Each structure stands twice: as C-alpha cells, then as structure tokens.
Protein backbone atom coordinates (compact mmCIF):
# COMPACT_ATOMS: atom_id res chain seq x y z
CA MET A 1 25.17 56.63 55.46
CA THR A 2 22.28 54.22 55.87
CA LEU A 3 23.01 50.74 57.11
CA THR A 4 21.75 48.12 54.71
CA SER A 5 21.33 44.45 55.48
CA GLU A 6 24.15 42.13 54.52
CA SER A 7 21.75 40.29 52.24
CA ASP A 8 20.80 43.50 50.40
CA VAL A 9 24.45 44.46 49.93
CA ALA A 10 25.28 41.00 48.55
CA TRP A 11 22.35 40.98 46.14
CA GLU A 12 23.07 44.53 44.95
CA LEU A 13 26.72 43.67 44.37
CA VAL A 14 25.82 40.57 42.34
CA GLU A 15 23.33 42.52 40.25
CA SER A 16 25.86 45.30 39.69
CA LEU A 17 28.54 42.86 38.51
CA ARG A 18 26.51 40.06 36.91
CA PHE A 19 27.53 40.84 33.33
CA ARG A 20 31.21 41.02 34.29
CA LEU A 21 31.30 37.65 36.08
CA THR A 22 32.16 34.33 34.51
CA PRO A 23 29.29 31.81 34.42
CA THR A 24 30.98 29.88 37.24
CA GLU A 25 31.39 33.02 39.40
CA LEU A 26 27.76 33.98 38.82
CA ASN A 27 26.48 30.47 39.58
CA ASN A 28 28.59 30.32 42.75
CA ALA A 29 27.26 33.71 43.82
CA TYR A 30 23.64 32.64 43.35
CA VAL A 31 24.15 29.33 45.14
CA ASN A 32 25.75 31.11 48.08
CA LEU A 33 23.02 33.75 48.14
CA GLY A 34 20.50 30.92 48.24
CA ILE A 35 22.09 29.43 51.35
CA SER A 36 22.50 32.84 53.03
CA GLU A 37 26.31 32.97 52.74
CA PHE A 38 26.11 36.71 52.10
CA GLY A 39 29.50 37.64 53.58
CA GLY A 40 31.27 35.05 51.44
CA VAL A 41 29.55 36.38 48.32
CA ILE A 42 30.57 39.95 49.14
CA GLU A 43 34.18 39.00 49.85
CA SER A 44 34.52 36.91 46.68
CA LEU A 45 33.03 39.67 44.53
CA ILE A 46 35.29 42.31 46.09
CA ALA A 47 38.17 40.06 44.97
CA VAL A 48 36.69 39.96 41.44
CA ILE A 49 36.39 43.76 41.43
CA GLU A 50 40.04 44.01 42.42
CA ARG A 51 41.23 41.34 39.96
CA GLU A 52 39.33 42.80 37.01
CA GLN A 53 40.00 46.40 38.07
CA LEU A 54 36.30 47.21 37.88
CA THR A 55 34.63 50.30 39.20
CA ILE A 56 31.42 50.29 41.19
CA PRO A 57 28.91 53.07 41.92
CA ASP A 58 29.70 55.39 44.83
CA GLY A 59 26.50 54.43 46.65
CA LEU A 60 27.42 50.77 46.56
CA MET A 61 30.96 51.60 47.68
CA GLU A 62 29.50 53.35 50.75
CA LYS A 63 27.43 50.26 51.54
CA LEU A 64 30.51 48.04 51.20
CA ASP A 65 32.46 50.31 53.54
CA ALA A 66 29.61 50.18 56.07
CA TRP A 67 29.38 46.39 55.70
CA ARG A 68 33.13 46.00 56.31
CA ALA A 69 33.01 48.24 59.37
CA LEU A 70 30.08 46.29 60.82
CA HIS A 71 31.10 42.72 59.99
CA HIS A 72 34.91 43.02 59.99
CA PRO A 73 35.75 46.00 62.22
CA ASP A 74 39.38 45.01 62.76
CA GLY A 75 41.99 42.36 62.16
CA PRO A 76 43.60 40.93 59.03
CA ILE A 77 40.35 40.43 57.10
CA SER A 78 39.33 44.02 57.79
CA GLU A 79 42.72 45.29 56.64
CA ARG A 80 42.59 43.22 53.43
CA LEU A 81 39.05 44.35 52.62
CA ALA A 82 39.92 47.99 53.34
CA ARG A 83 42.92 47.74 50.97
CA GLN A 84 40.79 46.14 48.27
CA LEU A 85 38.02 48.72 48.62
CA ASP A 86 40.53 51.59 48.63
CA GLY A 87 41.95 50.24 45.36
CA CYS A 88 38.47 50.23 43.83
CA ARG A 89 37.83 53.75 45.08
CA HIS A 90 41.07 55.09 43.58
CA ARG A 91 40.28 53.55 40.20
CA SER A 92 36.82 55.09 40.11
CA HIS A 93 38.11 58.55 41.06
CA GLY A 94 41.56 58.41 39.51
C-alpha cells in the first residue's frame, strides 16, 4: 500500500463520486477542497457512500483505509470510520 497525500485522497474521492452527489454536496466538497479542509471532505463523502450504499474502487478503498489509519488511528472517530468503510467493503464484495 502506497501512502497518498490527504489532498490526493480527497480529490480522488470527489472525482469518483461527483455524479452521485447532490449539487449542494458537490459545491460543499469543492469549497472545502479549496480551503484545504481535506479531512472534512473525506469524512463527509464516506458518510454519503454509506447513506447511498455506494461502492468504490478497491484501490480507493485501500487509500481510505490508509488515510484513516494515519489521521485517525484510534478513538471514536476511528471506530466510526472503520465501521463505515467496512460497510462499503462488504457491499462491494457481497
């Protein structure tokens, strides 16, 4: 697994989901990317993935796992993100 910058993960996630986001979600994502709020973008889009029961490519899933481990290694946020990502993983392989 290659570590990718938080910014690259956020941009890739937005580009992967852009056609599945509402105009408001997409606008919010771009505004937050513009002010370097990459973690917030990633967390909000993980919630969209969960809510809409979307699947994402395996390579991007690996980057999200690496991002979570680096930026939220433990605690309640880590546990929530791990649960959300596991749900996405099970849908894509279920």
